[in-house]
Each structure stands twice: as C-alpha cells, then as structure tokens.
C-alpha cells in the first residue's frame, strides 16, 4: 500500500492507494499544523496515515511508499527536503505575516523516511503537472505548465517532455516573481512586497481587500463595479505571469487549478486568456489556458503521480 499526501498552506490531505492505477481511498483532510516544533507537519501526516488505515481496516505497517505533494519552496538538508513555505513557516517574513510560529523551515522528509521505506517529496505544482500529463488536460503534451491559484500561486513546468525541477526542486516558483510596478505594500509570506503571490493569492486577497476571495469574485461575477475593477486588476497580474511563462518557455498549453481559480473558473478563464491572445502571435497563437482535467482532485492525484 502507498500513502498520498497533499500539503498546502491551508490544509493537509491524506489518501491511500494500492497502486498507481488503483483508485484513491479513505481521503482525510484537516488544517495544516502550524504550531509547536517544526516537525509538526510530519507528525501530523503520520498520525493521519494511521487514522486513515484504521478507518479502512488496513495494517499501517503495509504502507511502504509515501508520495508527498507540497507547497514550496524547499531547502535540502543532508539530502532531505524541508519546507521553506511562506504560508506555513512564520519565521521567513516575520510577525507581520501573522503566522503562529517562527519556523524558517518545516521538517518533512527526514521524519517520514525514518518510518517508511520510500518517501518522495515534490513541489505540489510539479506533482500536479505530472498528474495532469498522466491523467488530465495536459496528456500527450511535451511543452506545458500547470498553475495553481489557491492559498498561494504555484507553477509546474514541462519543456521538451521533461518536468523542470532545479537545484533544490524549486523550479516554477513564478508566484514569487514581479510582473507589475506595484505600490500596494502587499507583503508575501516569502518576505517580498508586491510579488504575484503577495498581490493575488487567496490569503493575500483577504488581507488586501478585507473580504474572502470567494466573496470578492462572486460579487464581481454578479457585476458589482468596484469588485469587478479589483478582479480585473488581479487577472492582469495573473495573466501577465501566464504570458511570461509562455513567452519564456514556448508552451503549448497551461492547465489551471486551485481553489481560487476552480470555484470561479468560468468567470476567470476568458479574462486570463485575454492577457495571452494577440500578444506576439508566433509565441502565443493557439496556446490555450484550460481548467485542470482532474478538477478539484488534482492535488490528491498529484501525490499518486509521484509513486509510479
């Protein structure tokens, strides 16, 4: 048996599977641990695996593989992945960010590797990219990307049929790039002010505009002028980031997921596509932005894709 773990800035989800082609069973989800020692997320994962096994009548000792799809960035310490994730580790940006810890990193791979025979940790957007290429909207494509617009903004990139990883597995952190001349003062959890994630991520929207992202987008979709103006500005930031990915890597298609995008995809997709269409046609002609083929299950299948 194998365990599939999805770590986000808001929640941790755990599922089980007998093989890469078997269905996921026993999904369990709860808020991401952010207090206590910096191994709290790893301890949470092991407890959740035990609880899912108990619910399913499975001996936890039969779990020999664990795939972990996690929000990044990562740091490597003695060859093991630690999370340096702005929406989890409060020590990175400091008290102004409002997280209830002073962690600079969160231990994940080393504690899990002490218990399980095989552990693989990858950036969640890279893992989702692989899932979308295996089962979803990017199947059969060699030059593509997966982008999540959720609590944070993450990107997985594939060029010439190879997923890009980088020296520490951090390739694709376009959410921490700058695409506008910004004076908002929007503090990202990474310490940047005015990067893409600081401006448009789900938690940033709530901090900047005083209402949940879901309420803002619903109001804009209903035609409320002020909300619509804000959302168009948010889409300009995301749309420019997507265009930059296409122009830099000569992509064929970008698949989009994440809670902010997914719950408002019909409203947002044409607005984002408009920031791609007509710009330098040799690079953008025919390039489509599409909803994730795996829908709101992309995070669950992302961890499974790591265990092929």
C-alpha atoms as a PDB file:
ATOM      1  CA  UNK A   1       0.000   0.000   0.000  1.00  0.00           C
ATOM      2  CA  UNK A   2       1.015   3.589  -0.554  1.00  0.00           C
ATOM      3  CA  UNK A   3       0.021   6.857   1.080  1.00  0.00           C
ATOM      4  CA  UNK A   4      -0.643  10.011  -0.951  1.00  0.00           C
ATOM      5  CA  UNK A   5      -0.130  13.288   0.907  1.00  0.00           C
ATOM      6  CA  UNK A   6      -1.053  16.780  -0.279  1.00  0.00           C
ATOM      7  CA  UNK A   7       0.374  19.631   1.842  1.00  0.00           C
ATOM      8  CA  UNK A   8      -0.948  23.127   1.284  1.00  0.00           C
ATOM      9  CA  UNK A   9      -0.795  26.355   3.191  1.00  0.00           C
ATOM     10  CA  UNK A  10      -4.376  25.784   4.356  1.00  0.00           C
ATOM     11  CA  UNK A  11      -4.844  22.017   4.614  1.00  0.00           C
ATOM     12  CA  UNK A  12      -3.173  18.619   4.598  1.00  0.00           C
ATOM     13  CA  UNK A  13      -4.950  15.741   2.841  1.00  0.00           C
ATOM     14  CA  UNK A  14      -4.066  12.040   3.027  1.00  0.00           C
ATOM     15  CA  UNK A  15      -5.372   9.208   0.854  1.00  0.00           C
ATOM     16  CA  UNK A  16      -4.351   5.585   0.266  1.00  0.00           C
ATOM     17  CA  UNK A  17      -3.922   3.570  -2.905  1.00  0.00           C
ATOM     18  CA  UNK A  18      -2.870   0.021  -3.732  1.00  0.00           C
ATOM     19  CA  UNK A  19      -1.053   1.078  -6.937  1.00  0.00           C
ATOM     20  CA  UNK A  20      -0.631   3.988  -9.330  1.00  0.00           C
ATOM     21  CA  UNK A  21      -3.628   2.719 -11.304  1.00  0.00           C
ATOM     22  CA  UNK A  22      -5.846   1.946  -8.309  1.00  0.00           C
ATOM     23  CA  UNK A  23      -8.444   4.419  -7.010  1.00  0.00           C
ATOM     24  CA  UNK A  24      -7.727   6.624  -4.029  1.00  0.00           C
ATOM     25  CA  UNK A  25      -9.484   5.541  -0.852  1.00  0.00           C
ATOM     26  CA  UNK A  26     -10.041   6.895   2.645  1.00  0.00           C
ATOM     27  CA  UNK A  27      -9.332  10.564   1.967  1.00  0.00           C
ATOM     28  CA  UNK A  28      -8.877  12.597   5.135  1.00  0.00           C
ATOM     29  CA  UNK A  29      -8.239  16.355   5.315  1.00  0.00           C
ATOM     30  CA  UNK A  30      -7.555  18.825   8.120  1.00  0.00           C
ATOM     31  CA  UNK A  31      -5.938  22.257   8.627  1.00  0.00           C
ATOM     32  CA  UNK A  32      -2.161  22.300   8.211  1.00  0.00           C
ATOM     33  CA  UNK A  33      -0.306  22.171  11.538  1.00  0.00           C
ATOM     34  CA  UNK A  34       1.436  25.499  12.232  1.00  0.00           C
ATOM     35  CA  UNK A  35       2.197  25.427  15.943  1.00  0.00           C
ATOM     36  CA  UNK A  36       4.646  23.505  18.110  1.00  0.00           C
ATOM     37  CA  UNK A  37       8.006  22.203  16.904  1.00  0.00           C
ATOM     38  CA  UNK A  38       8.970  22.461  13.247  1.00  0.00           C
ATOM     39  CA  UNK A  39       8.372  18.730  12.704  1.00  0.00           C
ATOM     40  CA  UNK A  40       4.664  19.265  13.458  1.00  0.00           C
ATOM     41  CA  UNK A  41       3.571  18.762   9.828  1.00  0.00           C
ATOM     42  CA  UNK A  42       5.446  15.435   9.578  1.00  0.00           C
ATOM     43  CA  UNK A  43       3.925  14.273  12.889  1.00  0.00           C
ATOM     44  CA  UNK A  44       0.504  15.309  11.597  1.00  0.00           C
ATOM     45  CA  UNK A  45       0.982  13.317   8.375  1.00  0.00           C
ATOM     46  CA  UNK A  46       1.988  10.125  10.208  1.00  0.00           C
ATOM     47  CA  UNK A  47      -0.979  10.423  12.562  1.00  0.00           C
ATOM     48  CA  UNK A  48      -3.360  10.976   9.636  1.00  0.00           C
ATOM     49  CA  UNK A  49      -1.958   7.944   7.780  1.00  0.00           C
ATOM     50  CA  UNK A  50      -2.549   5.819  10.877  1.00  0.00           C
ATOM     51  CA  UNK A  51      -6.102   7.143  11.209  1.00  0.00           C
ATOM     52  CA  UNK A  52      -6.973   6.519   7.553  1.00  0.00           C
ATOM     53  CA  UNK A  53      -5.550   2.988   7.785  1.00  0.00           C
ATOM     54  CA  UNK A  54      -7.625   2.299  10.899  1.00  0.00           C
ATOM     55  CA  UNK A  55     -10.779   3.578   9.194  1.00  0.00           C
ATOM     56  CA  UNK A  56     -10.141   1.369   6.162  1.00  0.00           C
ATOM     57  CA  UNK A  57      -9.163  -1.724   8.158  1.00  0.00           C
ATOM     58  CA  UNK A  58      -5.633  -1.666   6.730  1.00  0.00           C
ATOM     59  CA  UNK A  59      -2.499  -2.520   8.713  1.00  0.00           C
ATOM     60  CA  UNK A  60      -0.455   0.701   8.768  1.00  0.00           C
ATOM     61  CA  UNK A  61       2.698  -1.422   8.618  1.00  0.00           C
ATOM     62  CA  UNK A  62       1.821  -2.296   4.993  1.00  0.00           C
ATOM     63  CA  UNK A  63       2.381   1.334   3.911  1.00  0.00           C
ATOM     64  CA  UNK A  64       5.822   1.201   2.310  1.00  0.00           C
ATOM     65  CA  UNK A  65       5.649   4.195  -0.051  1.00  0.00           C
ATOM     66  CA  UNK A  66       4.656   7.784   0.651  1.00  0.00           C
ATOM     67  CA  UNK A  67       4.304  10.428  -2.030  1.00  0.00           C
ATOM     68  CA  UNK A  68       4.202  13.990  -0.727  1.00  0.00           C
ATOM     69  CA  UNK A  69       2.995  16.812  -2.944  1.00  0.00           C
ATOM     70  CA  UNK A  70       3.746  20.030  -1.077  1.00  0.00           C
ATOM     71  CA  UNK A  71       3.691  23.769  -1.467  1.00  0.00           C
ATOM     72  CA  UNK A  72       7.271  25.050  -1.644  1.00  0.00           C
ATOM     73  CA  UNK A  73       9.892  26.377  -1.777  1.00  0.00           C
ATOM     74  CA  UNK A  74      12.142  23.639  -0.401  1.00  0.00           C
ATOM     75  CA  UNK A  75      15.522  23.552   1.269  1.00  0.00           C
ATOM     76  CA  UNK A  76      17.708  20.455   1.235  1.00  0.00           C
ATOM     77  CA  UNK A  77      19.402  19.453   4.482  1.00  0.00           C
ATOM     78  CA  UNK A  78      21.581  16.345   4.315  1.00  0.00           C
ATOM     79  CA  UNK A  79      19.738  15.409   1.151  1.00  0.00           C
ATOM     80  CA  UNK A  80      16.284  15.578   2.737  1.00  0.00           C
ATOM     81  CA  UNK A  81      13.554  18.078   1.826  1.00  0.00           C
ATOM     82  CA  UNK A  82      12.489  20.676   4.363  1.00  0.00           C
ATOM     83  CA  UNK A  83       9.680  23.106   3.597  1.00  0.00           C
ATOM     84  CA  UNK A  84      10.546  26.790   3.417  1.00  0.00           C
ATOM     85  CA  UNK A  85       6.936  27.522   2.608  1.00  0.00           C
ATOM     86  CA  UNK A  86       5.763  31.126   3.160  1.00  0.00           C
ATOM     87  CA  UNK A  87       2.217  30.113   4.085  1.00  0.00           C
ATOM     88  CA  UNK A  88       3.437  27.605   6.698  1.00  0.00           C
ATOM     89  CA  UNK A  89       6.736  28.908   8.087  1.00  0.00           C
ATOM     90  CA  UNK A  90       6.210  32.141  10.003  1.00  0.00           C
ATOM     91  CA  UNK A  91       9.880  32.917  10.547  1.00  0.00           C
ATOM     92  CA  UNK A  92      10.507  33.783   6.896  1.00  0.00           C
ATOM     93  CA  UNK A  93       8.587  37.064   6.692  1.00  0.00           C
ATOM     94  CA  UNK A  94       8.366  37.610  10.455  1.00  0.00           C
ATOM     95  CA  UNK A  95       5.489  38.611  12.776  1.00  0.00           C
ATOM     96  CA  UNK A  96       3.905  40.993  10.247  1.00  0.00           C
ATOM     97  CA  UNK A  97       2.791  37.949   8.260  1.00  0.00           C
ATOM     98  CA  UNK A  98       0.661  36.741  11.193  1.00  0.00           C
ATOM     99  CA  UNK A  99       1.614  33.045  11.274  1.00  0.00           C
ATOM    100  CA  UNK A 100       1.728  31.447  14.758  1.00  0.00           C
ATOM    101  CA  UNK A 101       5.311  30.144  14.589  1.00  0.00           C
ATOM    102  CA  UNK A 102       8.894  31.259  13.991  1.00  0.00           C
ATOM    103  CA  UNK A 103       9.914  28.329  11.799  1.00  0.00           C
ATOM    104  CA  UNK A 104      12.358  29.027   8.996  1.00  0.00           C
ATOM    105  CA  UNK A 105      11.735  25.513   7.665  1.00  0.00           C
ATOM    106  CA  UNK A 106       9.366  22.641   8.460  1.00  0.00           C
ATOM    107  CA  UNK A 107      10.849  19.146   8.609  1.00  0.00           C
ATOM    108  CA  UNK A 108       9.043  16.688   6.351  1.00  0.00           C
ATOM    109  CA  UNK A 109      11.134  14.115   4.506  1.00  0.00           C
ATOM    110  CA  UNK A 110      13.581  13.145   7.275  1.00  0.00           C
ATOM    111  CA  UNK A 111      10.917  12.176   9.879  1.00  0.00           C
ATOM    112  CA  UNK A 112       8.882  10.275   7.283  1.00  0.00           C
ATOM    113  CA  UNK A 113      11.964   8.457   5.949  1.00  0.00           C
ATOM    114  CA  UNK A 114      12.644   7.067   9.435  1.00  0.00           C
ATOM    115  CA  UNK A 115       9.350   5.194   9.270  1.00  0.00           C
ATOM    116  CA  UNK A 116       8.587   4.468   5.615  1.00  0.00           C
ATOM    117  CA  UNK A 117      10.772   2.579   3.131  1.00  0.00           C
ATOM    118  CA  UNK A 118      10.325   5.027   0.273  1.00  0.00           C
ATOM    119  CA  UNK A 119       9.422   8.705   0.539  1.00  0.00           C
ATOM    120  CA  UNK A 120       9.294  11.140  -2.369  1.00  0.00           C
ATOM    121  CA  UNK A 121       8.606  14.848  -1.821  1.00  0.00           C
ATOM    122  CA  UNK A 122       7.990  17.172  -4.754  1.00  0.00           C
ATOM    123  CA  UNK A 123       6.624  20.651  -5.241  1.00  0.00           C
ATOM    124  CA  UNK A 124       2.834  20.405  -5.420  1.00  0.00           C
ATOM    125  CA  UNK A 125       2.600  22.175  -8.772  1.00  0.00           C
ATOM    126  CA  UNK A 126       5.279  19.906 -10.287  1.00  0.00           C
ATOM    127  CA  UNK A 127       3.436  16.853  -8.975  1.00  0.00           C
ATOM    128  CA  UNK A 128       0.113  18.215 -10.269  1.00  0.00           C
ATOM    129  CA  UNK A 129       1.777  18.810 -13.631  1.00  0.00           C
ATOM    130  CA  UNK A 130       2.727  15.136 -13.765  1.00  0.00           C
ATOM    131  CA  UNK A 131      -0.798  14.107 -12.780  1.00  0.00           C
ATOM    132  CA  UNK A 132      -2.300  16.357 -15.473  1.00  0.00           C
ATOM    133  CA  UNK A 133       0.124  14.912 -18.053  1.00  0.00           C
ATOM    134  CA  UNK A 134      -0.727  11.357 -16.990  1.00  0.00           C
ATOM    135  CA  UNK A 135      -4.491  11.588 -16.497  1.00  0.00           C
ATOM    136  CA  UNK A 136      -5.692  15.120 -17.191  1.00  0.00           C
ATOM    137  CA  UNK A 137      -5.754  18.102 -19.546  1.00  0.00           C
ATOM    138  CA  UNK A 138      -2.034  18.005 -20.455  1.00  0.00           C
ATOM    139  CA  UNK A 139      -1.983  14.400 -21.651  1.00  0.00           C
ATOM    140  CA  UNK A 140       0.271  13.941 -24.684  1.00  0.00           C
ATOM    141  CA  UNK A 141       1.901  17.390 -24.435  1.00  0.00           C
ATOM    142  CA  UNK A 142       5.664  17.938 -24.133  1.00  0.00           C
ATOM    143  CA  UNK A 143       5.676  21.724 -23.590  1.00  0.00           C
ATOM    144  CA  UNK A 144       3.134  22.726 -20.978  1.00  0.00           C
ATOM    145  CA  UNK A 145       2.539  24.009 -17.474  1.00  0.00           C
ATOM    146  CA  UNK A 146       0.220  23.551 -14.545  1.00  0.00           C
ATOM    147  CA  UNK A 147      -0.642  26.647 -12.477  1.00  0.00           C
ATOM    148  CA  UNK A 148      -2.468  26.664  -9.168  1.00  0.00           C
ATOM    149  CA  UNK A 149      -4.221  29.813  -7.935  1.00  0.00           C
ATOM    150  CA  UNK A 150      -5.106  28.980  -4.361  1.00  0.00           C
ATOM    151  CA  UNK A 151      -3.817  29.958  -0.911  1.00  0.00           C
ATOM    152  CA  UNK A 152      -0.593  30.603  -2.834  1.00  0.00           C
ATOM    153  CA  UNK A 153       0.349  30.678  -6.517  1.00  0.00           C
ATOM    154  CA  UNK A 154       2.386  27.722  -7.800  1.00  0.00           C
ATOM    155  CA  UNK A 155       3.675  26.571 -11.179  1.00  0.00           C
ATOM    156  CA  UNK A 156       4.887  23.263 -12.614  1.00  0.00           C
ATOM    157  CA  UNK A 157       6.769  23.403 -15.914  1.00  0.00           C
ATOM    158  CA  UNK A 158       7.450  20.830 -18.620  1.00  0.00           C
ATOM    159  CA  UNK A 159       9.774  21.546 -21.574  1.00  0.00           C
ATOM    160  CA  UNK A 160      10.700  19.023 -24.277  1.00  0.00           C
ATOM    161  CA  UNK A 161       8.878  16.320 -22.341  1.00  0.00           C
ATOM    162  CA  UNK A 162      10.811  16.853 -19.102  1.00  0.00           C
ATOM    163  CA  UNK A 163       9.425  18.316 -15.896  1.00  0.00           C
ATOM    164  CA  UNK A 164      11.757  21.052 -14.655  1.00  0.00           C
ATOM    165  CA  UNK A 165      12.976  20.723 -11.070  1.00  0.00           C
ATOM    166  CA  UNK A 166      16.043  22.897 -10.484  1.00  0.00           C
ATOM    167  CA  UNK A 167      18.845  22.561  -7.960  1.00  0.00           C
ATOM    168  CA  UNK A 168      16.567  22.183  -4.914  1.00  0.00           C
ATOM    169  CA  UNK A 169      13.333  21.167  -6.617  1.00  0.00           C
ATOM    170  CA  UNK A 170      12.138  24.782  -6.709  1.00  0.00           C
ATOM    171  CA  UNK A 171      11.798  25.389 -10.459  1.00  0.00           C
ATOM    172  CA  UNK A 172       8.485  27.060 -11.265  1.00  0.00           C
ATOM    173  CA  UNK A 173       8.161  29.480  -8.367  1.00  0.00           C
ATOM    174  CA  UNK A 174       6.782  32.157 -10.648  1.00  0.00           C
ATOM    175  CA  UNK A 175       4.376  33.137  -7.895  1.00  0.00           C
ATOM    176  CA  UNK A 176       7.318  34.927  -6.307  1.00  0.00           C
ATOM    177  CA  UNK A 177       8.176  36.880  -9.452  1.00  0.00           C
ATOM    178  CA  UNK A 178       7.288  40.507 -10.128  1.00  0.00           C
ATOM    179  CA  UNK A 179       5.097  41.411 -13.117  1.00  0.00           C
ATOM    180  CA  UNK A 180       3.823  44.936 -12.342  1.00  0.00           C
ATOM    181  CA  UNK A 181       5.234  48.172 -10.953  1.00  0.00           C
ATOM    182  CA  UNK A 182       3.388  47.856  -7.673  1.00  0.00           C
ATOM    183  CA  UNK A 183       2.969  50.258  -4.767  1.00  0.00           C
ATOM    184  CA  UNK A 184       0.386  48.221  -2.823  1.00  0.00           C
ATOM    185  CA  UNK A 185       2.703  47.286   0.038  1.00  0.00           C
ATOM    186  CA  UNK A 186       1.319  43.725  -0.223  1.00  0.00           C
ATOM    187  CA  UNK A 187       3.583  41.535   1.938  1.00  0.00           C
ATOM    188  CA  UNK A 188       4.125  37.988   0.716  1.00  0.00           C
ATOM    189  CA  UNK A 189       4.992  35.253   3.201  1.00  0.00           C
ATOM    190  CA  UNK A 190       8.374  34.931   1.471  1.00  0.00           C
ATOM    191  CA  UNK A 191       9.246  38.488   2.507  1.00  0.00           C
ATOM    192  CA  UNK A 192       8.756  40.033  -0.939  1.00  0.00           C
ATOM    193  CA  UNK A 193       6.479  43.047  -1.225  1.00  0.00           C
ATOM    194  CA  UNK A 194       4.316  43.154  -4.341  1.00  0.00           C
ATOM    195  CA  UNK A 195       5.179  39.833  -5.991  1.00  0.00           C
ATOM    196  CA  UNK A 196       2.469  37.830  -7.761  1.00  0.00           C
ATOM    197  CA  UNK A 197       1.540  35.799  -4.682  1.00  0.00           C
ATOM    198  CA  UNK A 198       1.593  38.836  -2.426  1.00  0.00           C
ATOM    199  CA  UNK A 199      -0.892  40.541  -4.755  1.00  0.00           C
ATOM    200  CA  UNK A 200      -3.339  37.831  -5.808  1.00  0.00           C
ATOM    201  CA  UNK A 201      -3.077  34.673  -3.676  1.00  0.00           C
ATOM    202  CA  UNK A 202      -6.202  33.712  -1.769  1.00  0.00           C
ATOM    203  CA  UNK A 203      -4.885  34.762   1.620  1.00  0.00           C
ATOM    204  CA  UNK A 204      -3.440  37.972   0.148  1.00  0.00           C
ATOM    205  CA  UNK A 205      -6.810  38.962  -1.313  1.00  0.00           C
ATOM    206  CA  UNK A 206      -8.427  38.644   2.103  1.00  0.00           C
ATOM    207  CA  UNK A 207      -5.709  40.775   3.718  1.00  0.00           C
ATOM    208  CA  UNK A 208      -5.668  43.428   0.998  1.00  0.00           C
ATOM    209  CA  UNK A 209      -9.380  43.895   0.437  1.00  0.00           C
ATOM    210  CA  UNK A 210     -10.919  42.880   3.745  1.00  0.00           C
ATOM    211  CA  UNK A 211     -13.112  40.092   2.397  1.00  0.00           C
ATOM    212  CA  UNK A 212     -12.628  36.454   1.409  1.00  0.00           C
ATOM    213  CA  UNK A 213     -11.581  35.821  -2.178  1.00  0.00           C
ATOM    214  CA  UNK A 214     -14.774  33.824  -2.759  1.00  0.00           C
ATOM    215  CA  UNK A 215     -16.956  36.797  -1.798  1.00  0.00           C
ATOM    216  CA  UNK A 216     -14.975  39.210  -3.966  1.00  0.00           C
ATOM    217  CA  UNK A 217     -15.156  37.002  -7.059  1.00  0.00           C
ATOM    218  CA  UNK A 218     -18.839  36.242  -6.548  1.00  0.00           C
ATOM    219  CA  UNK A 219     -19.592  39.947  -6.289  1.00  0.00           C
ATOM    220  CA  UNK A 220     -17.583  40.676  -9.436  1.00  0.00           C
ATOM    221  CA  UNK A 221     -19.328  37.897 -11.347  1.00  0.00           C
ATOM    222  CA  UNK A 222     -22.643  39.479 -10.354  1.00  0.00           C
ATOM    223  CA  UNK A 223     -21.476  42.741 -11.961  1.00  0.00           C
ATOM    224  CA  UNK A 224     -20.736  44.890  -8.901  1.00  0.00           C
ATOM    225  CA  UNK A 225     -18.496  47.617 -10.396  1.00  0.00           C
ATOM    226  CA  UNK A 226     -15.925  48.034  -7.611  1.00  0.00           C
ATOM    227  CA  UNK A 227     -15.423  44.288  -7.212  1.00  0.00           C
ATOM    228  CA  UNK A 228     -15.178  43.892 -10.967  1.00  0.00           C
ATOM    229  CA  UNK A 229     -12.465  46.552 -11.113  1.00  0.00           C
ATOM    230  CA  UNK A 230     -10.469  44.746  -8.418  1.00  0.00           C
ATOM    231  CA  UNK A 231     -10.832  41.338 -10.070  1.00  0.00           C
ATOM    232  CA  UNK A 232      -9.786  42.712 -13.460  1.00  0.00           C
ATOM    233  CA  UNK A 233      -6.625  44.058 -11.791  1.00  0.00           C
ATOM    234  CA  UNK A 234      -5.974  40.656 -10.188  1.00  0.00           C
ATOM    235  CA  UNK A 235      -6.451  38.928 -13.546  1.00  0.00           C
ATOM    236  CA  UNK A 236      -3.991  41.349 -15.125  1.00  0.00           C
ATOM    237  CA  UNK A 237      -1.328  40.220 -12.645  1.00  0.00           C
ATOM    238  CA  UNK A 238      -2.055  36.520 -13.189  1.00  0.00           C
ATOM    239  CA  UNK A 239      -2.465  36.966 -16.944  1.00  0.00           C
ATOM    240  CA  UNK A 240       0.924  38.659 -17.254  1.00  0.00           C
ATOM    241  CA  UNK A 241       2.573  35.869 -15.296  1.00  0.00           C
ATOM    242  CA  UNK A 242       0.982  33.283 -17.608  1.00  0.00           C
ATOM    243  CA  UNK A 243       2.086  35.202 -20.681  1.00  0.00           C
ATOM    244  CA  UNK A 244       5.639  35.387 -19.319  1.00  0.00           C
ATOM    245  CA  UNK A 245       5.691  31.609 -18.886  1.00  0.00           C
ATOM    246  CA  UNK A 246       4.517  31.105 -22.471  1.00  0.00           C
ATOM    247  CA  UNK A 247       6.985  33.622 -23.895  1.00  0.00           C
ATOM    248  CA  UNK A 248       9.911  32.246 -21.897  1.00  0.00           C
ATOM    249  CA  UNK A 249       9.327  28.532 -22.464  1.00  0.00           C
ATOM    250  CA  UNK A 250       7.336  28.389 -25.744  1.00  0.00           C
ATOM    251  CA  UNK A 251       4.488  26.419 -24.172  1.00  0.00           C
ATOM    252  CA  UNK A 252       1.571  24.705 -25.897  1.00  0.00           C
ATOM    253  CA  UNK A 253      -0.993  24.760 -23.084  1.00  0.00           C
ATOM    254  CA  UNK A 254      -1.421  25.743 -19.457  1.00  0.00           C
ATOM    255  CA  UNK A 255      -3.760  23.855 -17.150  1.00  0.00           C
ATOM    256  CA  UNK A 256      -5.152  25.806 -14.180  1.00  0.00           C
ATOM    257  CA  UNK A 257      -6.421  24.652 -10.815  1.00  0.00           C
ATOM    258  CA  UNK A 258      -6.502  25.683  -7.183  1.00  0.00           C
ATOM    259  CA  UNK A 259      -9.445  26.794  -5.080  1.00  0.00           C
ATOM    260  CA  UNK A 260      -9.409  30.487  -6.061  1.00  0.00           C
ATOM    261  CA  UNK A 261      -9.444  29.658  -9.758  1.00  0.00           C
ATOM    262  CA  UNK A 262     -11.538  26.499  -9.670  1.00  0.00           C
ATOM    263  CA  UNK A 263     -14.620  27.870  -7.931  1.00  0.00           C
ATOM    264  CA  UNK A 264     -14.799  30.791 -10.387  1.00  0.00           C
ATOM    265  CA  UNK A 265     -13.236  29.220 -13.476  1.00  0.00           C
ATOM    266  CA  UNK A 266     -15.999  30.077 -15.958  1.00  0.00           C
ATOM    267  CA  UNK A 267     -15.756  33.746 -14.955  1.00  0.00           C
ATOM    268  CA  UNK A 268     -11.945  33.938 -14.755  1.00  0.00           C
ATOM    269  CA  UNK A 269     -10.785  31.834 -17.704  1.00  0.00           C
ATOM    270  CA  UNK A 270     -11.771  34.212 -20.549  1.00  0.00           C
ATOM    271  CA  UNK A 271     -10.302  37.149 -18.631  1.00  0.00           C
ATOM    272  CA  UNK A 272      -6.986  35.349 -18.243  1.00  0.00           C
ATOM    273  CA  UNK A 273      -6.968  34.140 -21.856  1.00  0.00           C
ATOM    274  CA  UNK A 274      -7.377  37.762 -22.980  1.00  0.00           C
ATOM    275  CA  UNK A 275      -3.976  38.572 -21.479  1.00  0.00           C
ATOM    276  CA  UNK A 276      -2.392  35.933 -23.741  1.00  0.00           C
ATOM    277  CA  UNK A 277      -4.253  36.263 -27.032  1.00  0.00           C
ATOM    278  CA  UNK A 278      -2.805  38.625 -29.613  1.00  0.00           C
ATOM    279  CA  UNK A 279       0.495  39.205 -27.847  1.00  0.00           C
ATOM    280  CA  UNK A 280       3.458  38.230 -30.066  1.00  0.00           C
ATOM    281  CA  UNK A 281       1.485  35.697 -32.162  1.00  0.00           C
ATOM    282  CA  UNK A 282       4.474  33.469 -33.093  1.00  0.00           C
ATOM    283  CA  UNK A 283       4.648  32.566 -29.396  1.00  0.00           C
ATOM    284  CA  UNK A 284       1.008  32.739 -28.326  1.00  0.00           C
ATOM    285  CA  UNK A 285      -1.068  31.723 -31.336  1.00  0.00           C
ATOM    286  CA  UNK A 286      -3.052  28.593 -30.499  1.00  0.00           C
ATOM    287  CA  UNK A 287      -1.889  28.478 -26.881  1.00  0.00           C
ATOM    288  CA  UNK A 288      -4.866  27.737 -24.666  1.00  0.00           C
ATOM    289  CA  UNK A 289      -5.497  28.114 -20.971  1.00  0.00           C
ATOM    290  CA  UNK A 290      -7.701  25.245 -19.765  1.00  0.00           C
ATOM    291  CA  UNK A 291      -9.224  24.103 -16.471  1.00  0.00           C
ATOM    292  CA  UNK A 292      -7.398  21.208 -14.833  1.00  0.00           C
ATOM    293  CA  UNK A 293      -8.641  17.945 -16.296  1.00  0.00           C
ATOM    294  CA  UNK A 294      -8.578  16.347 -12.838  1.00  0.00           C
ATOM    295  CA  UNK A 295     -10.687  19.166 -11.425  1.00  0.00           C
ATOM    296  CA  UNK A 296     -10.623  19.665  -7.687  1.00  0.00           C
ATOM    297  CA  UNK A 297      -8.991  16.221  -7.272  1.00  0.00           C
ATOM    298  CA  UNK A 298      -5.732  17.303  -8.916  1.00  0.00           C
ATOM    299  CA  UNK A 299      -3.985  17.682  -5.551  1.00  0.00           C
ATOM    300  CA  UNK A 300      -4.881  14.150  -4.490  1.00  0.00           C
ATOM    301  CA  UNK A 301      -3.725  12.601  -7.758  1.00  0.00           C
ATOM    302  CA  UNK A 302      -0.574  14.741  -7.752  1.00  0.00           C
ATOM    303  CA  UNK A 303       0.839  12.742  -4.826  1.00  0.00           C
ATOM    304  CA  UNK A 304      -0.136   9.470  -6.522  1.00  0.00           C
ATOM    305  CA  UNK A 305       1.700  10.531  -9.692  1.00  0.00           C
ATOM    306  CA  UNK A 306       4.927  10.652  -7.690  1.00  0.00           C
ATOM    307  CA  UNK A 307       4.760   6.928  -6.980  1.00  0.00           C
ATOM    308  CA  UNK A 308       4.735   5.458 -10.496  1.00  0.00           C
END
